[in-house]
Amino acid sequence: QVQLVESGGGLVQAGGSLRLSCAPSGRTFSTYGMGWFRQAPGKEREFVATISWDGGSTDYAHSVKGRFTISRDNTVYLQMNSLKPVDTAVYYCAATALAGGSSKDHDYNYWGQGTQVTVSS
């Protein structure tokens, strides 16, 4: 039943890097916009990054701009550099029928199971 599968999370020291992957399972999302969101303990889910169906446009939360990069082929990636403890969260990938992507979680129709990212100081 799961159609998006995240991987690549883990424990990393501040200043380090991780690359998250979001692979389709059972179907293709080649015509969908894609996004990454995250949720820290006790916090609301927040937007991280989004990418259009063809990879031609991207958008980022201010807090990650210049540090994170979203990209896609058949898989969606989130390259995370210069990680900070405040980046600690469960990271979710999602797919939206809005081909240009979106920063709003309610625009997304499909969600992955999440992958934990922990950044130590």
PDB file of N, CA and C in Angstrom:
ATOM      1  N   GLN A   1       0.826  -1.219   0.000  1.00  0.00           N
ATOM      2  CA  GLN A   1       0.000   0.000   0.000  1.00  0.00           C
ATOM      3  C   GLN A   1       0.856   1.262   0.000  1.00  0.00           C
ATOM      4  N   VAL A   2       2.045   1.194   0.617  1.00  0.00           N
ATOM      5  CA  VAL A   2       2.951   2.337   0.634  1.00  0.00           C
ATOM      6  C   VAL A   2       3.462   2.593  -0.772  1.00  0.00           C
ATOM      7  N   GLN A   3       3.341   3.839  -1.237  1.00  0.00           N
ATOM      8  CA  GLN A   3       3.724   4.197  -2.599  1.00  0.00           C
ATOM      9  C   GLN A   3       4.909   5.149  -2.664  1.00  0.00           C
ATOM     10  N   LEU A   4       5.355   5.661  -1.522  1.00  0.00           N
ATOM     11  CA  LEU A   4       6.568   6.449  -1.424  1.00  0.00           C
ATOM     12  C   LEU A   4       7.377   5.910  -0.252  1.00  0.00           C
ATOM     13  N   VAL A   5       8.641   5.613  -0.491  1.00  0.00           N
ATOM     14  CA  VAL A   5       9.487   5.005   0.526  1.00  0.00           C
ATOM     15  C   VAL A   5      10.733   5.852   0.710  1.00  0.00           C
ATOM     16  N   GLU A   6      10.876   6.444   1.896  1.00  0.00           N
ATOM     17  CA  GLU A   6      12.040   7.262   2.213  1.00  0.00           C
ATOM     18  C   GLU A   6      13.165   6.397   2.770  1.00  0.00           C
ATOM     19  N   SER A   7      14.388   6.853   2.531  1.00  0.00           N
ATOM     20  CA  SER A   7      15.556   6.222   3.119  1.00  0.00           C
ATOM     21  C   SER A   7      16.656   7.268   3.246  1.00  0.00           C
ATOM     22  N   GLY A   8      17.698   6.934   3.982  1.00  0.00           N
ATOM     23  CA  GLY A   8      18.864   7.791   4.089  1.00  0.00           C
ATOM     24  C   GLY A   8      18.986   8.554   5.384  1.00  0.00           C
ATOM     25  N   GLY A   9      17.987   8.478   6.246  1.00  0.00           N
ATOM     26  CA  GLY A   9      18.076   9.157   7.523  1.00  0.00           C
ATOM     27  C   GLY A   9      19.079   8.491   8.440  1.00  0.00           C
ATOM     28  N   GLY A  10      19.392   9.172   9.528  1.00  0.00           N
ATOM     29  CA  GLY A  10      20.333   8.639  10.491  1.00  0.00           C
ATOM     30  C   GLY A  10      20.811   9.698  11.444  1.00  0.00           C
ATOM     31  N   LEU A  11      21.868   9.362  12.159  1.00  0.00           N
ATOM     32  CA  LEU A  11      22.483  10.249  13.145  1.00  0.00           C
ATOM     33  C   LEU A  11      23.736  10.866  12.545  1.00  0.00           C
ATOM     34  N   VAL A  12      23.844  12.183  12.635  1.00  0.00           N
ATOM     35  CA  VAL A  12      24.981  12.896  12.080  1.00  0.00           C
ATOM     36  C   VAL A  12      25.356  14.044  13.011  1.00  0.00           C
ATOM     37  N   GLN A  13      26.630  14.399  13.036  1.00  0.00           N
ATOM     38  CA  GLN A  13      27.079  15.526  13.842  1.00  0.00           C
ATOM     39  C   GLN A  13      26.761  16.843  13.151  1.00  0.00           C
ATOM     40  N   ALA A  14      26.592  17.890  13.955  1.00  0.00           N
ATOM     41  CA  ALA A  14      26.376  19.220  13.402  1.00  0.00           C
ATOM     42  C   ALA A  14      27.472  19.560  12.401  1.00  0.00           C
ATOM     43  N   GLY A  15      27.061  20.150  11.289  1.00  0.00           N
ATOM     44  CA  GLY A  15      27.981  20.466  10.214  1.00  0.00           C
ATOM     45  C   GLY A  15      28.106  19.385   9.174  1.00  0.00           C
ATOM     46  N   GLY A  16      27.572  18.223   9.451  1.00  0.00           N
ATOM     47  CA  GLY A  16      27.650  17.112   8.537  1.00  0.00           C
ATOM     48  C   GLY A  16      26.566  17.129   7.479  1.00  0.00           C
ATOM     49  N   SER A  17      26.529  16.067   6.678  1.00  0.00           N
ATOM     50  CA  SER A  17      25.612  15.970   5.551  1.00  0.00           C
ATOM     51  C   SER A  17      24.906  14.632   5.532  1.00  0.00           C
ATOM     52  N   LEU A  18      23.705  14.627   4.975  1.00  0.00           N
ATOM     53  CA  LEU A  18      22.947  13.419   4.680  1.00  0.00           C
ATOM     54  C   LEU A  18      22.223  13.631   3.368  1.00  0.00           C
ATOM     55  N   ARG A  19      21.978  12.546   2.649  1.00  0.00           N
ATOM     56  CA  ARG A  19      21.134  12.594   1.476  1.00  0.00           C
ATOM     57  C   ARG A  19      19.959  11.657   1.672  1.00  0.00           C
ATOM     58  N   LEU A  20      18.764  12.218   1.659  1.00  0.00           N
ATOM     59  CA  LEU A  20      17.548  11.434   1.751  1.00  0.00           C
ATOM     60  C   LEU A  20      17.058  11.073   0.358  1.00  0.00           C
ATOM     61  N   SER A  21      16.472   9.899   0.233  1.00  0.00           N
ATOM     62  CA  SER A  21      15.888   9.442  -1.017  1.00  0.00           C
ATOM     63  C   SER A  21      14.429   9.095  -0.801  1.00  0.00           C
ATOM     64  N   CYS A  22      13.615   9.308  -1.825  1.00  0.00           N
ATOM     65  CA  CYS A  22      12.196   8.988  -1.803  1.00  0.00           C
ATOM     66  C   CYS A  22      11.880   8.249  -3.090  1.00  0.00           C
ATOM     67  N   ALA A  23      11.679   6.949  -2.980  1.00  0.00           N
ATOM     68  CA  ALA A  23      11.499   6.100  -4.148  1.00  0.00           C
ATOM     69  C   ALA A  23      10.030   5.747  -4.335  1.00  0.00           C
ATOM     70  N   PRO A  24       9.535   5.802  -5.574  1.00  0.00           N
ATOM     71  CA  PRO A  24       8.166   5.358  -5.813  1.00  0.00           C
ATOM     72  C   PRO A  24       8.053   3.858  -5.659  1.00  0.00           C
ATOM     73  N   SER A  25       6.904   3.419  -5.189  1.00  0.00           N
ATOM     74  CA  SER A  25       6.620   2.008  -5.017  1.00  0.00           C
ATOM     75  C   SER A  25       5.226   1.722  -5.547  1.00  0.00           C
ATOM     76  N   GLY A  26       5.136   0.918  -6.597  1.00  0.00           N
ATOM     77  CA  GLY A  26       3.854   0.501  -7.133  1.00  0.00           C
ATOM     78  C   GLY A  26       3.247   1.425  -8.173  1.00  0.00           C
ATOM     79  N   ARG A  27       3.801   2.612  -8.345  1.00  0.00           N
ATOM     80  CA  ARG A  27       3.312   3.551  -9.347  1.00  0.00           C
ATOM     81  C   ARG A  27       4.380   4.598  -9.605  1.00  0.00           C
ATOM     82  N   THR A  28       4.143   5.416 -10.630  1.00  0.00           N
ATOM     83  CA  THR A  28       5.047   6.514 -10.945  1.00  0.00           C
ATOM     84  C   THR A  28       4.419   7.842 -10.546  1.00  0.00           C
ATOM     85  N   PHE A  29       5.271   8.796 -10.162  1.00  0.00           N
ATOM     86  CA  PHE A  29       4.840  10.153  -9.857  1.00  0.00           C
ATOM     87  C   PHE A  29       5.507  11.147 -10.803  1.00  0.00           C
ATOM     88  N   SER A  30       5.746  10.712 -12.035  1.00  0.00           N
ATOM     89  CA  SER A  30       6.501  11.519 -12.980  1.00  0.00           C
ATOM     90  C   SER A  30       5.783  12.801 -13.394  1.00  0.00           C
ATOM     91  N   THR A  31       4.468  12.859 -13.247  1.00  0.00           N
ATOM     92  CA  THR A  31       3.712  14.064 -13.582  1.00  0.00           C
ATOM     93  C   THR A  31       3.311  14.868 -12.349  1.00  0.00           C
ATOM     94  N   TYR A  32       3.791  14.479 -11.195  1.00  0.00           N
ATOM     95  CA  TYR A  32       3.447  15.130  -9.937  1.00  0.00           C
ATOM     96  C   TYR A  32       4.558  16.050  -9.460  1.00  0.00           C
ATOM     97  N   GLY A  33       4.145  17.125  -8.787  1.00  0.00           N
ATOM     98  CA  GLY A  33       5.100  17.832  -7.970  1.00  0.00           C
ATOM     99  C   GLY A  33       5.423  17.010  -6.739  1.00  0.00           C
ATOM    100  N   MET A  34       6.610  17.208  -6.200  1.00  0.00           N
ATOM    101  CA  MET A  34       7.052  16.457  -5.036  1.00  0.00           C
ATOM    102  C   MET A  34       7.530  17.424  -3.967  1.00  0.00           C
ATOM    103  N   GLY A  35       7.464  16.983  -2.731  1.00  0.00           N
ATOM    104  CA  GLY A  35       7.909  17.823  -1.640  1.00  0.00           C
ATOM    105  C   GLY A  35       8.512  17.026  -0.502  1.00  0.00           C
ATOM    106  N   TRP A  36       9.269  17.728   0.316  1.00  0.00           N
ATOM    107  CA  TRP A  36       9.766  17.213   1.576  1.00  0.00           C
ATOM    108  C   TRP A  36       9.220  18.081   2.707  1.00  0.00           C
ATOM    109  N   PHE A  37       8.753  17.426   3.757  1.00  0.00           N
ATOM    110  CA  PHE A  37       8.287  18.070   4.974  1.00  0.00           C
ATOM    111  C   PHE A  37       8.988  17.421   6.152  1.00  0.00           C
ATOM    112  N   ARG A  38       8.957  18.095   7.292  1.00  0.00           N
ATOM    113  CA  ARG A  38       9.557  17.499   8.476  1.00  0.00           C
ATOM    114  C   ARG A  38       8.729  17.835   9.702  1.00  0.00           C
ATOM    115  N   GLN A  39       8.841  16.985  10.716  1.00  0.00           N
ATOM    116  CA  GLN A  39       8.127  17.192  11.960  1.00  0.00           C
ATOM    117  C   GLN A  39       9.040  16.825  13.119  1.00  0.00           C
ATOM    118  N   ALA A  40       9.321  17.806  13.953  1.00  0.00           N
ATOM    119  CA  ALA A  40      10.116  17.602  15.152  1.00  0.00           C
ATOM    120  C   ALA A  40       9.193  17.305  16.331  1.00  0.00           C
ATOM    121  N   PRO A  41       9.707  16.662  17.382  1.00  0.00           N
ATOM    122  CA  PRO A  41       8.865  16.370  18.545  1.00  0.00           C
ATOM    123  C   PRO A  41       8.218  17.629  19.109  1.00  0.00           C
ATOM    124  N   GLY A  42       6.913  17.567  19.329  1.00  0.00           N
ATOM    125  CA  GLY A  42       6.179  18.690  19.885  1.00  0.00           C
ATOM    126  C   GLY A  42       5.938  19.835  18.930  1.00  0.00           C
ATOM    127  N   LYS A  43       6.307  19.677  17.668  1.00  0.00           N
ATOM    128  CA  LYS A  43       6.157  20.742  16.678  1.00  0.00           C
ATOM    129  C   LYS A  43       5.186  20.326  15.581  1.00  0.00           C
ATOM    130  N   GLU A  44       4.649  21.314  14.893  1.00  0.00           N
ATOM    131  CA  GLU A  44       3.814  21.052  13.731  1.00  0.00           C
ATOM    132  C   GLU A  44       4.671  20.628  12.552  1.00  0.00           C
ATOM    133  N   ARG A  45       4.075  19.886  11.642  1.00  0.00           N
ATOM    134  CA  ARG A  45       4.757  19.532  10.414  1.00  0.00           C
ATOM    135  C   ARG A  45       5.043  20.804   9.611  1.00  0.00           C
ATOM    136  N   GLU A  46       6.244  20.928   9.079  1.00  0.00           N
ATOM    137  CA  GLU A  46       6.620  22.119   8.345  1.00  0.00           C
ATOM    138  C   GLU A  46       7.209  21.777   6.981  1.00  0.00           C
ATOM    139  N   PHE A  47       7.003  22.688   6.059  1.00  0.00           N
ATOM    140  CA  PHE A  47       7.522  22.575   4.709  1.00  0.00           C
ATOM    141  C   PHE A  47       9.034  22.706   4.704  1.00  0.00           C
ATOM    142  N   VAL A  48       9.681  21.899   3.868  1.00  0.00           N
ATOM    143  CA  VAL A  48      11.126  21.959   3.701  1.00  0.00           C
ATOM    144  C   VAL A  48      11.506  22.363   2.280  1.00  0.00           C
ATOM    145  N   ALA A  49      11.011  21.627   1.287  1.00  0.00           N
ATOM    146  CA  ALA A  49      11.400  21.878  -0.103  1.00  0.00           C
ATOM    147  C   ALA A  49      10.384  21.253  -1.034  1.00  0.00           C
ATOM    148  N   THR A  50      10.279  21.783  -2.242  1.00  0.00           N
ATOM    149  CA  THR A  50       9.404  21.213  -3.258  1.00  0.00           C
ATOM    150  C   THR A  50      10.058  21.341  -4.626  1.00  0.00           C
ATOM    151  N   ILE A  51       9.634  20.490  -5.557  1.00  0.00           N
ATOM    152  CA  ILE A  51      10.185  20.469  -6.900  1.00  0.00           C
ATOM    153  C   ILE A  51       9.068  20.158  -7.883  1.00  0.00           C
ATOM    154  N   SER A  52       9.098  20.803  -9.048  1.00  0.00           N
ATOM    155  CA  SER A  52       8.078  20.602 -10.062  1.00  0.00           C
ATOM    156  C   SER A  52       8.237  19.248 -10.734  1.00  0.00           C
ATOM    157  N   TRP A  53       7.239  18.892 -11.510  1.00  0.00           N
ATOM    158  CA  TRP A  53       7.198  17.568 -12.136  1.00  0.00           C
ATOM    159  C   TRP A  53       8.418  17.277 -12.993  1.00  0.00           C
ATOM    160  N   ASP A  54       8.944  18.306 -13.654  1.00  0.00           N
ATOM    161  CA  ASP A  54      10.080  18.135 -14.560  1.00  0.00           C
ATOM    162  C   ASP A  54      11.401  18.566 -13.923  1.00  0.00           C
ATOM    163  N   GLY A  55      11.375  18.911 -12.660  1.00  0.00           N
ATOM    164  CA  GLY A  55      12.573  19.380 -11.986  1.00  0.00           C
ATOM    165  C   GLY A  55      12.979  20.797 -12.342  1.00  0.00           C
ATOM    166  N   GLY A  56      12.138  21.491 -13.116  1.00  0.00           N
ATOM    167  CA  GLY A  56      12.510  22.798 -13.615  1.00  0.00           C
ATOM    168  C   GLY A  56      12.414  23.929 -12.609  1.00  0.00           C
ATOM    169  N   SER A  57      11.677  23.729 -11.537  1.00  0.00           N
ATOM    170  CA  SER A  57      11.573  24.763 -10.518  1.00  0.00           C
ATOM    171  C   SER A  57      11.605  24.122  -9.143  1.00  0.00           C
ATOM    172  N   THR A  58      12.160  24.847  -8.195  1.00  0.00           N
ATOM    173  CA  THR A  58      12.238  24.392  -6.812  1.00  0.00           C
ATOM    174  C   THR A  58      11.911  25.542  -5.882  1.00  0.00           C
ATOM    175  N   ASP A  59      11.564  25.205  -4.665  1.00  0.00           N
ATOM    176  CA  ASP A  59      11.344  26.199  -3.630  1.00  0.00           C
ATOM    177  C   ASP A  59      11.751  25.587  -2.298  1.00  0.00           C
ATOM    178  N   TYR A  60      12.209  26.437  -1.380  1.00  0.00           N
ATOM    179  CA  TYR A  60      12.726  25.981  -0.100  1.00  0.00           C
ATOM    180  C   TYR A  60      12.207  26.843   1.037  1.00  0.00           C
ATOM    181  N   ALA A  61      12.070  26.225   2.189  1.00  0.00           N
ATOM    182  CA  ALA A  61      11.851  27.003   3.396  1.00  0.00           C
ATOM    183  C   ALA A  61      13.067  27.887   3.659  1.00  0.00           C
ATOM    184  N   HIS A  62      12.831  29.079   4.186  1.00  0.00           N
ATOM    185  CA  HIS A  62      13.925  29.995   4.471  1.00  0.00           C
ATOM    186  C   HIS A  62      14.991  29.357   5.365  1.00  0.00           C
ATOM    187  N   SER A  63      14.552  28.532   6.315  1.00  0.00           N
ATOM    188  CA  SER A  63      15.471  27.957   7.281  1.00  0.00           C
ATOM    189  C   SER A  63      16.478  26.989   6.673  1.00  0.00           C
ATOM    190  N   VAL A  64      16.186  26.465   5.482  1.00  0.00           N
ATOM    191  CA  VAL A  64      17.087  25.495   4.858  1.00  0.00           C
ATOM    192  C   VAL A  64      17.707  26.010   3.569  1.00  0.00           C
ATOM    193  N   LYS A  65      17.303  27.168   3.108  1.00  0.00           N
ATOM    194  CA  LYS A  65      17.796  27.697   1.842  1.00  0.00           C
ATOM    195  C   LYS A  65      19.312  27.877   1.901  1.00  0.00           C
ATOM    196  N   GLY A  66      19.976  27.405   0.867  1.00  0.00           N
ATOM    197  CA  GLY A  66      21.423  27.469   0.811  1.00  0.00           C
ATOM    198  C   GLY A  66      22.118  26.286   1.436  1.00  0.00           C
ATOM    199  N   ARG A  67      21.389  25.470   2.181  1.00  0.00           N
ATOM    200  CA  ARG A  67      21.958  24.282   2.819  1.00  0.00           C
ATOM    201  C   ARG A  67      21.415  22.992   2.225  1.00  0.00           C
ATOM    202  N   PHE A  68      20.129  22.990   1.850  1.00  0.00           N
ATOM    203  CA  PHE A  68      19.478  21.793   1.327  1.00  0.00           C
ATOM    204  C   PHE A  68      19.224  21.959  -0.170  1.00  0.00           C
ATOM    205  N   THR A  69      19.258  20.848  -0.907  1.00  0.00           N
ATOM    206  CA  THR A  69      18.954  20.845  -2.329  1.00  0.00           C
ATOM    207  C   THR A  69      18.022  19.688  -2.646  1.00  0.00           C
ATOM    208  N   ILE A  70      16.901  19.988  -3.293  1.00  0.00           N
ATOM    209  CA  ILE A  70      15.979  18.954  -3.749  1.00  0.00           C
ATOM    210  C   ILE A  70      16.235  18.689  -5.225  1.00  0.00           C
ATOM    211  N   SER A  71      16.161  17.435  -5.618  1.00  0.00           N
ATOM    212  CA  SER A  71      16.333  17.053  -7.017  1.00  0.00           C
ATOM    213  C   SER A  71      15.519  15.800  -7.278  1.00  0.00           C
ATOM    214  N   ARG A  72      15.400  15.436  -8.540  1.00  0.00           N
ATOM    215  CA  ARG A  72      14.630  14.234  -8.852  1.00  0.00           C
ATOM    216  C   ARG A  72      15.062  13.628 -10.166  1.00  0.00           C
ATOM    217  N   ASP A  73      14.956  12.331 -10.248  1.00  0.00           N
ATOM    218  CA  ASP A  73      14.893  11.598 -11.498  1.00  0.00           C
ATOM    219  C   ASP A  73      13.671  10.687 -11.345  1.00  0.00           C
ATOM    220  N   ASN A  74      13.837   9.398 -11.289  1.00  0.00           N
ATOM    221  CA  ASN A  74      12.719   8.548 -10.899  1.00  0.00           C
ATOM    222  C   ASN A  74      12.539   8.523  -9.385  1.00  0.00           C
ATOM    223  N   THR A  75      13.559   8.922  -8.692  1.00  0.00           N
ATOM    224  CA  THR A  75      13.574   9.057  -7.246  1.00  0.00           C
ATOM    225  C   THR A  75      13.732  10.537  -6.902  1.00  0.00           C
ATOM    226  N   VAL A  76      13.188  10.954  -5.769  1.00  0.00           N
ATOM    227  CA  VAL A  76      13.342  12.321  -5.284  1.00  0.00           C
ATOM    228  C   VAL A  76      14.389  12.319  -4.186  1.00  0.00           C
ATOM    229  N   TYR A  77      15.264  13.316  -4.209  1.00  0.00           N
ATOM    230  CA  TYR A  77      16.355  13.396  -3.255  1.00  0.00           C
ATOM    231  C   TYR A  77      16.302  14.702  -2.472  1.00  0.00           C
ATOM    232  N   LEU A  78      16.826  14.656  -1.274  1.00  0.00           N
ATOM    233  CA  LEU A  78      17.065  15.863  -0.499  1.00  0.00           C
ATOM    234  C   LEU A  78      18.492  15.793   0.027  1.00  0.00           C
ATOM    235  N   GLN A  79      19.365  16.575  -0.578  1.00  0.00           N
ATOM    236  CA  GLN A  79      20.738  16.678  -0.112  1.00  0.00           C
ATOM    237  C   GLN A  79      20.782  17.720   0.997  1.00  0.00           C
ATOM    238  N   MET A  80      21.206  17.320   2.178  1.00  0.00           N
ATOM    239  CA  MET A  80      21.222  18.180   3.345  1.00  0.00           C
ATOM    240  C   MET A  80      22.663  18.384   3.780  1.00  0.00           C
ATOM    241  N   ASN A  81      23.137  19.611   3.688  1.00  0.00           N
ATOM    242  CA  ASN A  81      24.485  19.972   4.093  1.00  0.00           C
ATOM    243  C   ASN A  81      24.431  20.936   5.265  1.00  0.00           C
ATOM    244  N   SER A  82      25.557  21.087   5.942  1.00  0.00           N
ATOM    245  CA  SER A  82      25.675  22.016   7.068  1.00  0.00           C
ATOM    246  C   SER A  82      24.548  21.822   8.071  1.00  0.00           C
ATOM    247  N   LEU A  83      24.306  20.582   8.423  1.00  0.00           N
ATOM    248  CA  LEU A  83      23.179  20.257   9.288  1.00  0.00           C
ATOM    249  C   LEU A  83      23.357  20.851  10.683  1.00  0.00           C
ATOM    250  N   LYS A  84      22.231  21.243  11.261  1.00  0.00           N
ATOM    251  CA  LYS A  84      22.168  21.850  12.575  1.00  0.00           C
ATOM    252  C   LYS A  84      21.263  21.016  13.473  1.00  0.00           C
ATOM    253  N   PRO A  85      21.443  21.084  14.790  1.00  0.00           N
ATOM    254  CA  PRO A  85      20.536  20.346  15.675  1.00  0.00           C
ATOM    255  C   PRO A  85      19.060  20.667  15.456  1.00  0.00           C
ATOM    256  N   VAL A  86      18.737  21.893  15.050  1.00  0.00           N
ATOM    257  CA  VAL A  86      17.339  22.244  14.807  1.00  0.00           C
ATOM    258  C   VAL A  86      16.754  21.541  13.587  1.00  0.00           C
ATOM    259  N   ASP A  87      17.594  20.899  12.778  1.00  0.00           N
ATOM    260  CA  ASP A  87      17.107  20.105  11.659  1.00  0.00           C
ATOM    261  C   ASP A  87      16.616  18.729  12.102  1.00  0.00           C
ATOM    262  N   THR A  88      16.822  18.372  13.349  1.00  0.00           N
ATOM    263  CA  THR A  88      16.392  17.075  13.853  1.00  0.00           C
ATOM    264  C   THR A  88      14.880  16.945  13.742  1.00  0.00           C
ATOM    265  N   ALA A  89      14.428  15.908  13.057  1.00  0.00           N
ATOM    266  CA  ALA A  89      13.001  15.703  12.805  1.00  0.00           C
ATOM    267  C   ALA A  89      12.816  14.401  12.052  1.00  0.00           C
ATOM    268  N   VAL A  90      11.562  13.983  11.945  1.00  0.00           N
ATOM    269  CA  VAL A  90      11.194  12.958  10.990  1.00  0.00           C
ATOM    270  C   VAL A  90      10.910  13.660   9.673  1.00  0.00           C
ATOM    271  N   TYR A  91      11.544  13.214   8.607  1.00  0.00           N
ATOM    272  CA  TYR A  91      11.396  13.810   7.289  1.00  0.00           C
ATOM    273  C   TYR A  91      10.489  12.942   6.434  1.00  0.00           C
ATOM    274  N   TYR A  92       9.511  13.583   5.795  1.00  0.00           N
ATOM    275  CA  TYR A  92       8.532  12.910   4.956  1.00  0.00           C
ATOM    276  C   TYR A  92       8.611  13.433   3.526  1.00  0.00           C
ATOM    277  N   CYS A  93       8.537  12.532   2.555  1.00  0.00           N
ATOM    278  CA  CYS A  93       8.335  12.968   1.184  1.00  0.00           C
ATOM    279  C   CYS A  93       6.867  12.809   0.833  1.00  0.00           C
ATOM    280  N   ALA A  94       6.419  13.584  -0.148  1.00  0.00           N
ATOM    281  CA  ALA A  94       5.017  13.594  -0.523  1.00  0.00           C
ATOM    282  C   ALA A  94       4.881  13.976  -1.989  1.00  0.00           C
ATOM    283  N   ALA A  95       3.752  13.584  -2.589  1.00  0.00           N
ATOM    284  CA  ALA A  95       3.455  13.857  -3.991  1.00  0.00           C
ATOM    285  C   ALA A  95       2.151  14.626  -4.102  1.00  0.00           C
ATOM    286  N   THR A  96       2.132  15.645  -4.972  1.00  0.00           N
ATOM    287  CA  THR A  96       0.946  16.454  -5.207  1.00  0.00           C
ATOM    288  C   THR A  96       0.578  16.457  -6.684  1.00  0.00           C
ATOM    289  N   ALA A  97      -0.718  16.433  -6.967  1.00  0.00           N
ATOM    290  CA  ALA A  97      -1.191  16.551  -8.345  1.00  0.00           C
ATOM    291  C   ALA A  97      -0.925  17.931  -8.935  1.00  0.00           C
ATOM    292  N   LEU A  98      -0.566  18.909  -8.101  1.00  0.00           N
ATOM    293  CA  LEU A  98      -0.124  20.207  -8.599  1.00  0.00           C
ATOM    294  C   LEU A  98       1.266  20.033  -9.190  1.00  0.00           C
ATOM    295  N   ALA A  99       1.345  20.078 -10.514  1.00  0.00           N
ATOM    296  CA  ALA A  99       2.579  19.715 -11.197  1.00  0.00           C
ATOM    297  C   ALA A  99       3.744  20.617 -10.830  1.00  0.00           C
ATOM    298  N   GLY A 100       3.456  21.853 -10.447  1.00  0.00           N
ATOM    299  CA  GLY A 100       4.514  22.772 -10.082  1.00  0.00           C
ATOM    300  C   GLY A 100       5.015  22.619  -8.664  1.00  0.00           C
ATOM    301  N   GLY A 101       4.396  21.738  -7.896  1.00  0.00           N
ATOM    302  CA  GLY A 101       4.747  21.570  -6.503  1.00  0.00           C
ATOM    303  C   GLY A 101       4.000  22.554  -5.623  1.00  0.00           C
ATOM    304  N   SER A 102       4.218  22.459  -4.336  1.00  0.00           N
ATOM    305  CA  SER A 102       3.530  23.301  -3.377  1.00  0.00           C
ATOM    306  C   SER A 102       4.261  23.272  -2.050  1.00  0.00           C
ATOM    307  N   SER A 103       4.134  24.360  -1.293  1.00  0.00           N
ATOM    308  CA  SER A 103       4.659  24.427   0.062  1.00  0.00           C
ATOM    309  C   SER A 103       3.607  24.093   1.113  1.00  0.00           C
ATOM    310  N   LYS A 104       2.393  23.770   0.687  1.00  0.00           N
ATOM    311  CA  LYS A 104       1.288  23.524   1.608  1.00  0.00           C
ATOM    312  C   LYS A 104       1.024  22.031   1.731  1.00  0.00           C
ATOM    313  N   ASP A 105       1.068  21.520   2.956  1.00  0.00           N
ATOM    314  CA  ASP A 105       0.925  20.081   3.124  1.00  0.00           C
ATOM    315  C   ASP A 105      -0.437  19.573   2.680  1.00  0.00           C
ATOM    316  N   HIS A 106      -1.480  20.414   2.755  1.00  0.00           N
ATOM    317  CA  HIS A 106      -2.807  19.962   2.355  1.00  0.00           C
ATOM    318  C   HIS A 106      -2.947  19.775   0.848  1.00  0.00           C
ATOM    319  N   ASP A 107      -1.971  20.227   0.065  1.00  0.00           N
ATOM    320  CA  ASP A 107      -1.995  20.005  -1.381  1.00  0.00           C
ATOM    321  C   ASP A 107      -1.455  18.637  -1.777  1.00  0.00           C
ATOM    322  N   TYR A 108      -0.924  17.899  -0.829  1.00  0.00           N
ATOM    323  CA  TYR A 108      -0.276  16.628  -1.141  1.00  0.00           C
ATOM    324  C   TYR A 108      -1.213  15.456  -0.912  1.00  0.00           C
ATOM    325  N   ASN A 109      -1.203  14.536  -1.862  1.00  0.00           N
ATOM    326  CA  ASN A 109      -2.117  13.403  -1.881  1.00  0.00           C
ATOM    327  C   ASN A 109      -1.505  12.118  -1.361  1.00  0.00           C
ATOM    328  N   TYR A 110      -0.199  11.979  -1.504  1.00  0.00           N
ATOM    329  CA  TYR A 110       0.495  10.754  -1.135  1.00  0.00           C
ATOM    330  C   TYR A 110       1.671  11.100  -0.254  1.00  0.00           C
ATOM    331  N   TRP A 111       1.899  10.271   0.756  1.00  0.00           N
ATOM    332  CA  TRP A 111       2.960  10.502   1.733  1.00  0.00           C
ATOM    333  C   TRP A 111       3.747   9.238   1.987  1.00  0.00           C
ATOM    334  N   GLY A 112       5.031   9.408   2.209  1.00  0.00           N
ATOM    335  CA  GLY A 112       5.860   8.310   2.654  1.00  0.00           C
ATOM    336  C   GLY A 112       5.738   8.093   4.146  1.00  0.00           C
ATOM    337  N   GLN A 113       6.471   7.098   4.630  1.00  0.00           N
ATOM    338  CA  GLN A 113       6.368   6.708   6.035  1.00  0.00           C
ATOM    339  C   GLN A 113       7.259   7.539   6.954  1.00  0.00           C
ATOM    340  N   GLY A 114       8.181   8.276   6.391  1.00  0.00           N
ATOM    341  CA  GLY A 114       9.086   9.114   7.155  1.00  0.00           C
ATOM    342  C   GLY A 114      10.399   8.432   7.466  1.00  0.00           C
ATOM    343  N   THR A 115      11.437   9.236   7.608  1.00  0.00           N
ATOM    344  CA  THR A 115      12.745   8.748   8.011  1.00  0.00           C
ATOM    345  C   THR A 115      13.337   9.720   9.031  1.00  0.00           C
ATOM    346  N   GLN A 116      13.908   9.183  10.098  1.00  0.00           N
ATOM    347  CA  GLN A 116      14.410  10.005  11.198  1.00  0.00           C
ATOM    348  C   GLN A 116      15.772  10.584  10.862  1.00  0.00           C
ATOM    349  N   VAL A 117      15.913  11.885  11.070  1.00  0.00           N
ATOM    350  CA  VAL A 117      17.194  12.572  10.977  1.00  0.00           C
ATOM    351  C   VAL A 117      17.489  13.171  12.342  1.00  0.00           C
ATOM    352  N   THR A 118      18.624  12.814  12.917  1.00  0.00           N
ATOM    353  CA  THR A 118      19.037  13.345  14.207  1.00  0.00           C
ATOM    354  C   THR A 118      20.402  13.992  14.051  1.00  0.00           C
ATOM    355  N   VAL A 119      20.505  15.257  14.442  1.00  0.00           N
ATOM    356  CA  VAL A 119      21.743  16.013  14.330  1.00  0.00           C
ATOM    357  C   VAL A 119      22.219  16.346  15.738  1.00  0.00           C
ATOM    358  N   SER A 120      23.390  15.862  16.093  1.00  0.00           N
ATOM    359  CA  SER A 120      23.944  16.082  17.419  1.00  0.00           C
ATOM    360  C   SER A 120      24.857  17.302  17.418  1.00  0.00           C
ATOM    361  N   SER A 121      24.945  17.967  18.568  1.00  0.00           N
ATOM    362  CA  SER A 121      25.772  19.160  18.698  1.00  0.00           C
ATOM    363  C   SER A 121      27.207  18.808  19.037  1.00  0.00           C
TER     364      SER A 121
END
